[in-house]
Amino acid sequence: MATRTTESVKLAESIPGVSAYVLALRGELQNGGMKRIERLRLGDLTVEVCRSGDSIWVLVRRPGKGGLAVRAAFVPDGDMTIRKVPAEPGEALRLDVEGTIGRHVIALRTSEADLHRMQLAVWLIPAAPLLIPFHPRDLYVLDADDDPTGANGTVEAAQRGVNGGLIYFRCDDPAFGSVLYLQNLTRLNDYYRATHTVPDAAVGGEWPELGYLLPTPPQSGTPPTHPLPAGEPVMLSNPIIVFRDGAADNELEMARQFLQMLGLAYQALPLPRVDYRDWIDRADRTIADLENAPQATVRHYGHTYVMPYPDGEYPDVMVQMSVLAALHDYGRWRGEPLPLEAELRRGLARFYDDELKVVRRYLPNVGDDKDADAIDSWYLYHPLLNMARMALDGDETCRDLLFRSIDYGIRAARHFHYAWPIMYDIRDFSVKTQARNDDRFGQTDVGGIYAQLMLFCYQLTDDQTYLHEARAAIDAAVGMRFNLEYQANLTAWGAAACLRLWRITNEERYRGQSYVYLASFFHNCELWESEIGHAQHYRTFLGATCLHDAPYMAIYECFDSFTAFEAYLSDSGPDLEPAARMLIG
């Protein structure tokens, strides 16, 4: 039997291995297997729409500097008839692709703003009730010779859980530039509901095979059978791709570019309708519940304490101060203090430990089922932050507790060299839990809220010690890139601290570092409106998920992020990156 020798393919340094789909694309491009359907321009980029043996491709190139291959449609048996049809307003091209599995409709839009943007919309009308066991990814990086195995680059950020379906990467060799790919998951809800799938970490991949992996049912011994209905159009993909010719390996510049590119992609997203909500009525009803509902508060030592959860847990100082500060802000807005504010303030001193000289998380009578000496790193600083906010407004009780506790907070920061663990013993700083579940990082953004606390103390005293501490904490976070977020509201406070440091010191690097915090925050937002399951009953668009790995939103983290962003915007001025202002707004 005759044998055929297969030529070995040399991979770029950044590629540990490739899939069959990478090799198939390489073969089509190297052997002239692509047939051009249309040619377009996108600023200094060339755009070719082509067909291969089993796919429709959009090839985007920067002449001499590589490019991208974007799979617009996948037709497994390669049997397809392609025709151009009249484009709708705003479209550069529209195709009908008739095949065995059904008919694909592909629409292409381009924008030649300062940053170039391309958007695809792909529908499928199945010829029969269609099960999709697998569908390949849709984005491949090419070198200057159209070889996906020859490009070197770095993925800076990719989708986490059900957050925004994005991937942000740069191609260094050749110097194609940086790319933000954002899959508009909102328009894909019909597919998810029909197939009973969820786009969990659907956008990502291994270099050079990136982009969107269409969620499909698990292929077990008896896989689920939820087909796409025959004859009904369903959108399979709606990516927005933003291109930039520069791709410097600089944390501050990468964050700024990410915000700019995300801002341009955001402008192409369908925005949810604006709902009217009577926030004043809700606030007043909430206050009434806090005052009257037996499961909302508890009495200890003759004082009233707010419960973290209805009928659950024990009172803690973070919750007490968060509610107290919110009541104070609302009373100030109304023009008169609320009686509940004074009632909650009277019980604060019971959290103070005279021996350690710091406010503890729990009251002295906390139950034995809690480790009273264990403290989350951020739990030490958040109540002190709210005490500082209230001290700035003249609250002497909060000012007294703040400055009786602040030296301990500084000792803790210096002990951990501004890189805090998850949990430690409040008595001696011995670490109880060093790292989160990725085993690499602790509470990475605690330095941000610590810095903001120090800046409030500096504002209260004009003591340079606090300014030096704020700088040390922010400087220690340099280099974290998109691993900076641990908890959303802490990251938001870090952004506010950086901007305040910029205002105080006039050092541009702090304004740039604020964009690093913002980039990490928006990377962890749900940039789409989910209609899957219970989510059809509430809004998810631009919701901030609580933690770096937590696929849920909670009112506490969200409202505290709003408070931090109010501080951020008050320090911003006309020099703020416009995309950052828009996304925060």
Protein backbone atom coordinates (compact mmCIF):
# COMPACT_ATOMS: atom_id res chain seq x y z
CA MET A 1 0.00 0.00 0.00
CA ALA A 2 1.35 3.42 -0.94
CA THR A 3 2.03 5.81 1.91
CA ARG A 4 1.85 9.59 1.99
CA THR A 5 4.34 11.60 4.02
CA THR A 6 2.82 14.52 5.90
CA GLU A 7 5.05 17.59 6.17
CA SER A 8 5.68 18.64 9.77
CA VAL A 9 4.24 22.01 10.75
CA LYS A 10 6.45 24.24 12.90
CA LEU A 11 4.43 26.12 15.50
CA ALA A 12 5.03 29.61 16.84
CA GLU A 13 6.59 29.83 20.30
CA SER A 14 3.26 30.78 21.90
CA ILE A 15 1.43 27.68 20.62
CA PRO A 16 1.65 24.40 22.59
CA GLY A 17 -0.51 22.54 20.07
CA VAL A 18 -3.25 23.01 17.49
CA SER A 19 -6.60 21.47 16.64
CA ALA A 20 -7.68 19.88 13.38
CA TYR A 21 -9.60 23.06 12.59
CA VAL A 22 -6.42 25.15 12.78
CA LEU A 23 -4.64 22.78 10.40
CA ALA A 24 -7.62 22.70 8.06
CA LEU A 25 -7.72 26.50 7.89
CA ARG A 26 -3.97 26.61 7.33
CA GLY A 27 -4.27 24.14 4.49
CA GLU A 28 -7.07 26.09 2.80
CA LEU A 29 -5.12 29.35 3.01
CA GLN A 30 -1.76 27.89 1.95
CA ASN A 31 -3.15 25.78 -0.90
CA GLY A 32 -5.41 28.40 -2.44
CA GLY A 33 -8.56 26.61 -1.33
CA MET A 34 -10.38 29.83 -0.45
CA LYS A 35 -12.74 31.32 -3.07
CA ARG A 36 -13.40 35.02 -2.76
CA ILE A 37 -17.02 36.18 -2.58
CA GLU A 38 -16.50 39.88 -1.84
CA ARG A 39 -13.73 42.32 -1.03
CA LEU A 40 -14.17 45.35 1.27
CA ARG A 41 -12.05 47.92 3.06
CA LEU A 42 -12.10 48.88 6.71
CA GLY A 43 -9.80 51.88 7.06
CA ASP A 44 -6.26 50.56 6.65
CA LEU A 45 -7.51 46.97 6.91
CA THR A 46 -8.50 44.78 3.99
CA VAL A 47 -11.56 42.56 4.33
CA GLU A 48 -12.23 39.52 2.16
CA VAL A 49 -15.31 37.32 2.44
CA CYS A 50 -14.47 33.83 1.19
CA ARG A 51 -15.72 30.26 1.17
CA SER A 52 -13.68 27.21 2.07
CA GLY A 53 -14.61 23.56 1.93
CA ASP A 54 -16.94 23.77 4.94
CA SER A 55 -17.20 27.41 6.03
CA ILE A 56 -17.79 31.03 5.09
CA TRP A 57 -14.89 33.17 6.29
CA VAL A 58 -14.23 36.87 6.78
CA LEU A 59 -10.48 37.49 6.43
CA VAL A 60 -9.28 40.75 7.95
CA ARG A 61 -5.68 41.71 7.21
CA ARG A 62 -3.30 44.52 7.93
CA PRO A 63 -1.03 44.29 4.86
CA GLY A 64 2.32 42.79 5.83
CA LYS A 65 1.33 42.53 9.51
CA GLY A 66 -0.96 39.52 9.70
CA GLY A 67 -4.67 39.35 10.34
CA LEU A 68 -7.67 37.38 11.53
CA ALA A 69 -9.86 34.71 10.03
CA VAL A 70 -13.43 34.89 11.32
CA ARG A 71 -15.70 31.92 10.67
CA ALA A 72 -19.13 33.32 9.78
CA ALA A 73 -20.88 30.03 9.00
CA PHE A 74 -20.02 26.36 9.37
CA VAL A 75 -21.54 23.89 6.90
CA PRO A 76 -20.23 20.45 7.93
CA ASP A 77 -20.67 18.65 4.59
CA GLY A 78 -19.51 21.62 2.51
CA ASP A 79 -22.60 21.47 0.29
CA MET A 80 -23.64 25.11 -0.03
CA THR A 81 -25.02 27.55 -2.57
CA ILE A 82 -24.07 31.17 -1.92
CA ARG A 83 -25.77 34.27 -3.25
CA LYS A 84 -25.56 37.95 -2.44
CA VAL A 85 -28.85 39.54 -1.47
CA PRO A 86 -29.74 43.21 -0.97
CA ALA A 87 -28.12 44.60 2.14
CA GLU A 88 -30.29 46.27 4.77
CA PRO A 89 -29.56 49.85 5.97
CA GLY A 90 -26.16 50.05 7.66
CA GLU A 91 -24.94 46.73 6.26
CA ALA A 92 -21.93 46.41 3.96
CA LEU A 93 -22.87 42.91 2.74
CA ARG A 94 -25.59 40.28 3.15
CA LEU A 95 -25.35 36.66 2.02
CA ASP A 96 -27.73 33.70 1.78
CA VAL A 97 -25.98 30.36 2.16
CA GLU A 98 -28.21 27.40 1.28
CA GLY A 99 -27.01 23.99 2.46
CA THR A 100 -28.02 20.55 3.60
CA ILE A 101 -28.59 21.56 7.22
CA GLY A 102 -30.60 24.64 6.27
CA ARG A 103 -30.10 28.26 5.24
CA HIS A 104 -27.60 30.65 6.83
CA VAL A 105 -28.10 34.39 6.53
CA ILE A 106 -24.95 36.46 7.09
CA ALA A 107 -24.92 40.25 7.52
CA LEU A 108 -21.72 42.29 7.79
CA ARG A 109 -21.44 45.83 9.17
CA THR A 110 -18.33 48.00 9.38
CA SER A 111 -17.44 51.29 11.02
CA GLU A 112 -14.36 53.38 10.24
CA ALA A 113 -14.36 55.51 13.38
CA ASP A 114 -11.04 56.29 15.09
CA LEU A 115 -10.98 52.61 16.01
CA HIS A 116 -12.25 50.25 13.32
CA ARG A 117 -15.22 48.04 14.17
CA MET A 118 -16.73 45.09 12.36
CA GLN A 119 -19.94 43.32 13.30
CA LEU A 120 -21.36 40.05 12.01
CA ALA A 121 -24.88 38.71 12.40
CA VAL A 122 -25.47 35.07 11.51
CA TRP A 123 -28.86 33.34 11.44
CA LEU A 124 -29.70 29.73 10.67
CA ILE A 125 -33.06 28.44 9.41
CA PRO A 126 -32.75 24.67 9.98
CA ALA A 127 -34.04 22.31 7.30
CA ALA A 128 -35.12 19.82 10.00
CA PRO A 129 -35.31 19.78 13.81
CA LEU A 130 -31.59 20.22 14.29
CA LEU A 131 -29.31 18.89 17.03
CA ILE A 132 -25.86 20.48 17.20
CA PRO A 133 -23.39 18.22 19.05
CA PHE A 134 -20.42 20.47 18.22
CA HIS A 135 -19.56 23.69 16.43
CA PRO A 136 -15.95 24.95 16.04
CA ARG A 137 -14.71 28.30 17.31
CA ASP A 138 -14.90 31.28 15.02
CA LEU A 139 -11.70 33.36 15.37
CA TYR A 140 -8.16 32.49 14.24
CA VAL A 141 -5.06 34.68 14.34
CA LEU A 142 -2.91 34.73 11.18
CA ASP A 143 0.70 35.68 10.60
CA ALA A 144 1.93 37.73 7.63
CA ASP A 145 1.81 34.60 5.44
CA ASP A 146 -1.80 33.74 6.38
CA ASP A 147 -0.56 30.94 8.63
CA PRO A 148 -2.44 30.53 11.93
CA THR A 149 0.41 28.42 13.33
CA GLY A 150 2.96 31.21 12.89
CA ALA A 151 1.53 34.14 14.88
CA ASN A 152 2.79 35.03 18.37
CA GLY A 153 0.63 36.95 20.81
CA THR A 154 -1.03 37.12 24.21
CA VAL A 155 -4.59 36.84 25.46
CA GLU A 156 -5.02 39.45 28.17
CA ALA A 157 -8.65 38.77 29.14
CA ALA A 158 -11.36 36.27 28.25
CA GLN A 159 -14.92 35.58 29.37
CA ARG A 160 -15.33 34.54 33.00
CA GLY A 161 -18.42 32.46 33.67
CA VAL A 162 -21.55 34.15 32.33
CA ASN A 163 -20.02 37.62 32.33
CA GLY A 164 -19.50 39.53 29.09
CA GLY A 165 -18.63 37.24 26.18
CA LEU A 166 -15.35 38.95 25.34
CA ILE A 167 -11.76 38.19 24.58
CA TYR A 168 -9.05 40.86 24.46
CA PHE A 169 -5.71 39.97 22.92
CA ARG A 170 -2.74 41.33 21.06
CA CYS A 171 -0.69 39.95 18.20
CA ASP A 172 2.96 40.91 18.64
CA ASP A 173 4.63 38.97 15.80
CA PRO A 174 3.59 40.03 13.26
CA ALA A 175 2.56 43.43 14.64
CA PHE A 176 -1.12 43.24 13.74
CA GLY A 177 -2.15 45.12 16.88
CA SER A 178 -4.73 44.53 19.59
CA VAL A 179 -8.24 43.14 19.18
CA LEU A 180 -11.36 43.18 21.32
CA TYR A 181 -13.92 40.53 20.37
CA LEU A 182 -17.31 40.87 22.07
CA GLN A 183 -20.03 38.34 21.34
CA ASN A 184 -23.43 40.02 21.70
CA LEU A 185 -24.99 37.26 23.79
CA THR A 186 -28.24 39.21 24.19
CA ARG A 187 -29.30 38.38 20.64
CA LEU A 188 -28.53 34.68 21.12
CA ASN A 189 -31.14 34.03 23.84
CA ASP A 190 -33.43 32.16 21.44
CA TYR A 191 -30.66 29.64 20.75
CA TYR A 192 -29.93 29.10 24.46
CA ARG A 193 -33.59 28.63 25.33
CA ALA A 194 -34.20 26.23 22.43
CA THR A 195 -31.16 24.07 23.18
CA HIS A 196 -31.25 24.40 26.99
CA THR A 197 -27.67 25.68 27.03
CA VAL A 198 -25.87 28.52 28.80
CA PRO A 199 -22.93 30.58 27.41
CA ASP A 200 -20.68 29.82 30.41
CA ALA A 201 -17.09 30.76 29.46
CA ALA A 202 -18.12 30.40 25.82
CA VAL A 203 -15.67 33.04 24.56
CA GLY A 204 -12.00 32.19 25.00
CA GLY A 205 -9.92 29.44 23.42
CA GLU A 206 -6.28 28.48 22.99
CA TRP A 207 -4.07 30.58 20.75
CA PRO A 208 -4.45 30.87 17.79
CA GLU A 209 -7.97 29.36 17.91
CA LEU A 210 -10.06 31.89 19.81
CA GLY A 211 -13.50 33.47 19.88
CA TYR A 212 -16.90 31.91 20.46
CA LEU A 213 -17.56 28.23 21.07
CA LEU A 214 -21.28 27.73 20.47
CA PRO A 215 -22.69 26.07 23.65
CA THR A 216 -23.92 22.57 22.91
CA PRO A 217 -25.55 19.92 25.12
CA PRO A 218 -23.20 17.53 26.94
CA GLN A 219 -22.51 14.50 24.79
CA SER A 220 -23.05 11.82 27.41
CA GLY A 221 -24.36 8.30 26.84
CA THR A 222 -27.84 9.78 26.56
CA PRO A 223 -27.30 13.39 25.47
CA PRO A 224 -30.18 15.88 25.87
CA THR A 225 -32.35 16.23 22.78
CA HIS A 226 -33.49 19.83 22.50
CA PRO A 227 -33.29 20.63 18.77
CA LEU A 228 -33.52 23.94 16.98
CA PRO A 229 -36.99 23.91 15.40
CA ALA A 230 -37.18 23.43 11.62
CA GLY A 231 -38.00 26.47 9.52
CA GLU A 232 -37.56 29.03 12.30
CA PRO A 233 -34.66 31.51 12.08
CA VAL A 234 -32.39 31.57 15.11
CA MET A 235 -29.32 33.74 15.52
CA LEU A 236 -26.16 31.69 16.06
CA SER A 237 -23.59 34.46 16.36
CA ASN A 238 -23.35 38.25 16.62
CA PRO A 239 -19.73 39.23 17.28
CA ILE A 240 -18.50 42.82 17.48
CA ILE A 241 -14.78 43.07 16.74
CA VAL A 242 -12.76 46.22 17.40
CA PHE A 243 -9.26 46.64 15.95
CA ARG A 244 -6.35 48.80 17.05
CA ASP A 245 -2.99 49.00 15.33
CA GLY A 246 -0.98 49.54 18.53
CA ALA A 247 -0.39 46.74 21.05
CA ALA A 248 2.26 47.85 23.53
CA ASP A 249 2.92 45.44 26.40
CA ASN A 250 2.22 48.10 29.01
CA GLU A 251 -0.35 47.52 31.74
CA LEU A 252 -1.61 51.11 31.90
CA GLU A 253 -1.90 51.53 28.15
CA MET A 254 -3.51 48.12 27.69
CA ALA A 255 -6.18 48.99 30.25
CA ARG A 256 -6.86 52.35 28.62
CA GLN A 257 -7.12 50.73 25.19
CA PHE A 258 -9.43 48.04 26.57
CA LEU A 259 -11.81 50.68 27.91
CA GLN A 260 -11.71 52.59 24.61
CA MET A 261 -12.39 49.47 22.56
CA LEU A 262 -15.09 48.24 24.93
CA GLY A 263 -16.72 51.65 24.72
CA LEU A 264 -16.85 51.41 20.94
CA ALA A 265 -18.26 47.87 21.12
CA TYR A 266 -20.81 49.03 23.71
CA GLN A 267 -22.17 51.55 21.23
CA ALA A 268 -23.05 48.68 18.87
CA LEU A 269 -24.98 46.75 21.53
CA PRO A 270 -28.77 46.86 21.78
CA LEU A 271 -29.48 48.64 25.04
CA PRO A 272 -32.34 47.49 27.29
CA ARG A 273 -35.30 49.77 27.78
CA VAL A 274 -35.21 52.23 30.64
CA ASP A 275 -37.61 51.32 33.46
CA TYR A 276 -39.02 53.83 35.89
CA ARG A 277 -38.62 52.87 39.54
CA ASP A 278 -39.86 54.85 42.50
CA TRP A 279 -36.62 54.74 44.45
CA ILE A 280 -37.85 57.12 47.14
CA ASP A 281 -40.82 54.89 47.90
CA ARG A 282 -38.56 51.83 47.95
CA ALA A 283 -36.11 53.56 50.29
CA ASP A 284 -38.88 54.57 52.68
CA ARG A 285 -40.36 51.05 52.68
CA THR A 286 -36.90 49.59 53.30
CA ILE A 287 -36.40 51.88 56.30
CA ALA A 288 -39.79 50.85 57.65
CA ASP A 289 -38.81 47.19 57.29
CA LEU A 290 -35.52 47.77 59.09
CA GLU A 291 -37.37 49.46 61.93
CA ASN A 292 -40.27 47.00 62.23
CA ALA A 293 -39.43 43.56 60.77
CA PRO A 294 -38.32 41.24 63.60
CA GLN A 295 -35.93 39.32 61.34
CA ALA A 296 -34.11 42.51 60.19
CA THR A 297 -32.52 43.53 63.50
CA VAL A 298 -31.59 42.08 66.88
CA ARG A 299 -30.95 43.56 70.33
CA HIS A 300 -27.68 43.02 72.21
CA TYR A 301 -26.26 44.98 75.15
CA GLY A 302 -29.31 47.23 74.99
CA HIS A 303 -28.56 48.32 71.40
CA THR A 304 -30.01 47.58 67.97
CA TYR A 305 -27.91 45.72 65.39
CA VAL A 306 -28.72 44.94 61.77
CA MET A 307 -28.71 41.29 60.75
CA PRO A 308 -26.60 40.38 57.69
CA TYR A 309 -29.41 38.09 56.52
CA PRO A 310 -33.03 37.72 57.67
CA ASP A 311 -33.03 35.44 60.72
CA GLY A 312 -29.47 34.35 59.98
CA GLU A 313 -25.85 34.81 60.99
CA TYR A 314 -24.69 37.26 63.65
CA PRO A 315 -24.47 41.05 63.60
CA ASP A 316 -21.17 42.24 62.16
CA VAL A 317 -19.52 45.62 61.95
CA MET A 318 -19.33 45.74 58.14
CA VAL A 319 -23.12 45.39 57.79
CA GLN A 320 -23.76 47.79 60.67
CA MET A 321 -21.58 50.47 59.11
CA SER A 322 -22.84 49.92 55.54
CA VAL A 323 -26.46 50.41 56.60
CA LEU A 324 -25.56 53.27 58.93
CA ALA A 325 -23.64 55.12 56.19
CA ALA A 326 -26.50 54.61 53.72
CA LEU A 327 -29.04 55.92 56.24
CA HIS A 328 -26.79 58.90 56.87
CA ASP A 329 -26.52 59.68 53.15
CA TYR A 330 -30.27 59.36 52.69
CA GLY A 331 -31.03 61.55 55.70
CA ARG A 332 -28.64 64.20 54.43
CA TRP A 333 -30.32 64.09 51.03
CA ARG A 334 -33.75 64.45 52.67
CA GLY A 335 -32.55 67.34 54.81
CA GLU A 336 -33.05 65.71 58.20
CA PRO A 337 -31.45 62.70 59.95
CA LEU A 338 -33.40 59.48 60.36
CA PRO A 339 -34.03 58.20 63.92
CA LEU A 340 -32.72 54.75 62.98
CA GLU A 341 -29.31 56.27 62.20
CA ALA A 342 -28.79 57.42 65.78
CA GLU A 343 -30.06 54.10 67.10
CA LEU A 344 -27.57 52.06 65.07
CA ARG A 345 -24.71 54.43 65.88
CA ARG A 346 -25.15 53.90 69.64
CA GLY A 347 -24.17 50.23 69.38
CA LEU A 348 -20.95 50.71 67.39
CA ALA A 349 -18.57 50.89 70.37
CA ARG A 350 -19.37 47.28 71.33
CA PHE A 351 -17.42 46.09 68.28
CA TYR A 352 -14.22 47.71 69.57
CA ASP A 353 -11.56 45.49 71.17
CA ASP A 354 -9.64 47.50 73.78
CA GLU A 355 -6.82 44.94 73.89
CA LEU A 356 -6.18 44.76 70.13
CA LYS A 357 -7.24 48.39 69.62
CA VAL A 358 -9.39 47.74 66.58
CA VAL A 359 -13.03 47.15 65.72
CA ARG A 360 -13.72 43.42 65.39
CA ARG A 361 -16.01 41.78 62.90
CA TYR A 362 -18.38 40.36 65.52
CA LEU A 363 -19.74 41.42 68.88
CA PRO A 364 -18.11 39.88 71.97
CA ASN A 365 -21.03 37.48 72.47
CA VAL A 366 -20.83 35.85 69.03
CA GLY A 367 -21.70 32.14 69.05
CA ASP A 368 -19.15 29.34 69.30
CA ASP A 369 -20.07 28.20 65.77
CA LYS A 370 -18.09 31.19 64.49
CA ASP A 371 -14.33 31.67 64.63
CA ALA A 372 -14.43 35.11 66.20
CA ASP A 373 -10.72 35.67 65.52
CA ALA A 374 -10.88 34.90 61.78
CA ILE A 375 -11.18 37.94 59.57
CA ASP A 376 -11.47 38.41 55.82
CA SER A 377 -8.86 40.96 54.81
CA TRP A 378 -11.35 43.39 53.29
CA TYR A 379 -13.68 43.10 56.30
CA LEU A 380 -11.17 45.02 58.41
CA TYR A 381 -11.08 48.05 56.13
CA HIS A 382 -14.59 48.42 54.76
CA PRO A 383 -16.26 49.50 58.04
CA LEU A 384 -13.37 51.88 58.67
CA LEU A 385 -13.91 53.36 55.20
CA ASN A 386 -17.54 54.12 56.03
CA MET A 387 -16.50 55.54 59.40
CA ALA A 388 -14.12 57.85 57.55
CA ARG A 389 -16.87 58.92 55.14
CA MET A 390 -19.11 59.81 58.08
CA ALA A 391 -16.26 61.46 59.99
CA LEU A 392 -15.73 63.74 57.01
CA ASP A 393 -19.34 64.77 57.48
CA GLY A 394 -18.78 65.60 61.15
CA ASP A 395 -19.68 62.34 62.90
CA GLU A 396 -17.54 62.32 66.07
CA THR A 397 -18.47 58.77 67.13
CA CYS A 398 -17.20 57.39 63.84
CA ARG A 399 -14.13 59.60 63.89
CA ASP A 400 -13.19 58.35 67.36
CA LEU A 401 -13.57 54.66 66.45
CA LEU A 402 -11.73 55.21 63.17
CA PHE A 403 -8.62 56.73 64.70
CA ARG A 404 -8.58 54.26 67.58
CA SER A 405 -8.48 51.44 64.97
CA ILE A 406 -6.41 52.88 62.15
CA ASP A 407 -2.96 52.03 63.53
CA TYR A 408 -3.92 48.36 63.62
CA GLY A 409 -5.09 48.58 60.00
CA ILE A 410 -1.75 50.05 58.97
CA ARG A 411 0.18 47.36 60.86
CA ALA A 412 -1.80 44.68 59.05
CA ALA A 413 -1.09 46.25 55.66
CA ARG A 414 2.63 46.48 56.35
CA HIS A 415 2.75 42.98 57.79
CA PHE A 416 1.35 41.52 54.57
CA HIS A 417 3.43 43.90 52.40
CA TYR A 418 0.17 45.20 50.87
CA ALA A 419 -0.66 41.75 49.42
CA TRP A 420 -3.40 40.46 51.66
CA PRO A 421 -4.42 36.80 52.11
CA ILE A 422 -8.03 35.69 52.04
CA MET A 423 -8.34 35.25 55.80
CA TYR A 424 -6.08 35.65 58.81
CA ASP A 425 -6.20 35.62 62.62
CA ILE A 426 -6.88 39.11 63.94
CA ARG A 427 -4.77 38.43 67.06
CA ASP A 428 -1.41 37.73 65.43
CA PHE A 429 -1.83 37.99 61.62
CA SER A 430 -1.29 34.26 61.18
CA VAL A 431 -2.77 33.23 57.85
CA LYS A 432 -5.80 30.94 57.87
CA THR A 433 -6.50 30.96 54.10
CA GLN A 434 -3.77 32.28 51.84
CA ALA A 435 -5.22 32.12 48.33
CA ARG A 436 -8.52 31.87 46.56
CA ASN A 437 -9.49 28.78 44.62
CA ASP A 438 -7.00 29.40 41.83
CA ASP A 439 -4.17 28.96 44.39
CA ARG A 440 -2.35 32.01 43.02
CA PHE A 441 -3.84 35.14 44.51
CA GLY A 442 -5.27 36.39 47.77
CA GLN A 443 -7.63 39.35 48.00
CA THR A 444 -5.97 41.24 45.18
CA ASP A 445 -7.99 44.47 45.32
CA VAL A 446 -7.95 45.07 49.09
CA GLY A 447 -5.13 47.53 48.45
CA GLY A 448 -7.61 49.69 46.56
CA ILE A 449 -10.07 50.07 49.42
CA TYR A 450 -7.18 50.43 51.87
CA ALA A 451 -5.75 53.26 49.75
CA GLN A 452 -9.12 55.03 49.68
CA LEU A 453 -9.36 54.70 53.47
CA MET A 454 -5.88 56.18 53.85
CA LEU A 455 -6.79 59.09 51.57
CA PHE A 456 -9.88 59.83 53.67
CA CYS A 457 -7.67 59.81 56.78
CA TYR A 458 -5.25 62.14 55.01
CA GLN A 459 -8.15 64.44 54.21
CA LEU A 460 -9.21 64.40 57.88
CA THR A 461 -5.74 65.03 59.34
CA ASP A 462 -3.34 66.26 56.63
CA ASP A 463 -0.90 63.65 58.01
CA GLN A 464 1.53 62.59 55.25
CA THR A 465 1.73 59.07 56.73
CA TYR A 466 -1.67 58.26 55.28
CA LEU A 467 -0.73 59.58 51.84
CA HIS A 468 2.41 57.44 51.83
CA GLU A 469 0.35 54.39 52.82
CA ALA A 470 -2.12 54.99 49.98
CA ARG A 471 0.69 55.23 47.46
CA ALA A 472 2.35 52.07 48.79
CA ALA A 473 -0.87 50.08 48.48
CA ILE A 474 -1.62 51.17 44.92
CA ASP A 475 2.01 50.70 43.86
CA ALA A 476 1.94 47.13 45.21
CA ALA A 477 -0.95 46.29 42.85
CA VAL A 478 1.00 47.22 39.73
CA GLY A 479 1.37 44.28 37.35
CA MET A 480 -1.87 42.47 38.26
CA ARG A 481 -3.48 43.33 34.89
CA PHE A 482 -6.81 41.57 34.50
CA ASN A 483 -6.24 39.49 37.64
CA LEU A 484 -6.78 42.56 39.81
CA GLU A 485 -10.42 42.04 40.77
CA TYR A 486 -11.30 39.94 43.78
CA GLN A 487 -14.60 41.63 44.70
CA ALA A 488 -16.36 44.16 42.48
CA ASN A 489 -16.93 46.97 44.98
CA LEU A 490 -13.34 46.81 46.25
CA THR A 491 -12.12 47.19 42.68
CA ALA A 492 -14.38 50.20 42.19
CA TRP A 493 -12.96 51.82 45.33
CA GLY A 494 -9.46 51.12 44.03
CA ALA A 495 -10.27 53.08 40.88
CA ALA A 496 -11.54 55.96 43.02
CA ALA A 497 -8.38 55.90 45.16
CA CYS A 498 -6.15 56.04 42.09
CA LEU A 499 -7.97 59.04 40.68
CA ARG A 500 -7.80 60.84 44.02
CA LEU A 501 -4.05 60.11 44.18
CA TRP A 502 -3.70 61.58 40.71
CA ARG A 503 -5.46 64.74 41.88
CA ILE A 504 -3.26 65.02 44.96
CA THR A 505 0.12 64.16 43.40
CA ASN A 506 -0.44 65.17 39.77
CA GLU A 507 1.31 61.94 38.75
CA GLU A 508 -0.26 60.63 35.54
CA ARG A 509 0.53 57.02 36.40
CA TYR A 510 -2.21 57.04 39.03
CA ARG A 511 -4.85 58.11 36.55
CA GLY A 512 -3.58 55.34 34.29
CA GLN A 513 -3.73 52.86 37.16
CA SER A 514 -7.38 53.81 37.74
CA TYR A 515 -8.07 52.47 34.24
CA VAL A 516 -6.49 49.14 35.26
CA TYR A 517 -9.03 48.88 38.09
CA LEU A 518 -11.87 49.93 35.76
CA ALA A 519 -10.83 47.45 33.07
CA SER A 520 -10.87 44.62 35.61
CA PHE A 521 -14.27 45.79 36.88
CA PHE A 522 -15.93 45.88 33.45
CA HIS A 523 -14.30 42.59 32.48
CA ASN A 524 -16.37 41.14 35.33
CA CYS A 525 -19.69 42.67 34.26
CA GLU A 526 -22.54 40.89 32.48
CA LEU A 527 -22.46 42.82 29.21
CA TRP A 528 -25.68 41.24 28.00
CA GLU A 529 -29.34 40.85 28.84
CA SER A 530 -30.04 37.22 29.72
CA GLU A 531 -33.47 35.69 29.16
CA ILE A 532 -32.44 32.22 30.32
CA GLY A 533 -34.47 30.65 33.12
CA HIS A 534 -35.32 32.99 35.98
CA ALA A 535 -33.21 35.78 34.43
CA GLN A 536 -36.11 36.58 32.11
CA HIS A 537 -37.76 38.23 35.13
CA TYR A 538 -34.96 40.67 35.99
CA ARG A 539 -32.22 42.72 34.32
CA THR A 540 -28.63 41.59 33.90
CA PHE A 541 -27.24 44.12 31.40
CA LEU A 542 -24.03 45.68 32.80
CA GLY A 543 -24.65 43.99 36.13
CA ALA A 544 -21.51 43.64 38.22
CA THR A 545 -21.01 40.07 39.40
CA CYS A 546 -19.79 40.03 42.99
CA LEU A 547 -16.49 38.19 42.80
CA HIS A 548 -13.91 37.26 40.21
CA ASP A 549 -15.43 33.77 40.03
CA ALA A 550 -19.01 34.32 41.24
CA PRO A 551 -21.75 34.07 38.57
CA TYR A 552 -24.29 36.12 40.53
CA MET A 553 -25.13 39.73 41.35
CA ALA A 554 -25.95 41.05 44.82
CA ILE A 555 -27.35 44.40 45.86
CA TYR A 556 -24.60 45.10 48.41
CA GLU A 557 -21.68 44.90 45.96
CA CYS A 558 -23.66 46.83 43.35
CA PHE A 559 -24.69 49.75 45.58
CA ASP A 560 -21.20 50.03 47.07
CA SER A 561 -19.77 50.16 43.55
CA PHE A 562 -22.16 53.03 42.79
CA THR A 563 -20.88 54.84 45.88
CA ALA A 564 -17.29 54.37 44.76
CA PHE A 565 -18.01 55.52 41.22
CA GLU A 566 -19.68 58.66 42.55
CA ALA A 567 -16.39 59.45 44.28
CA TYR A 568 -14.47 58.55 41.09
CA LEU A 569 -16.52 60.87 38.89
CA SER A 570 -16.29 63.73 41.38
CA ASP A 571 -12.50 63.66 40.96
CA SER A 572 -12.51 63.07 37.21
CA GLY A 573 -12.82 66.35 35.28
CA PRO A 574 -12.40 66.76 31.52
CA ASP A 575 -9.19 64.68 31.36
CA LEU A 576 -11.00 61.42 32.05
CA GLU A 577 -11.02 58.89 29.22
CA PRO A 578 -14.45 59.42 27.55
CA ALA A 579 -15.11 55.69 27.22
CA ALA A 580 -14.53 55.24 30.96
CA ARG A 581 -17.01 58.03 31.74
CA MET A 582 -19.58 56.50 29.39
CA LEU A 583 -19.25 52.97 30.79
CA ILE A 584 -19.45 54.18 34.40
CA GLY A 585 -22.50 56.27 33.53
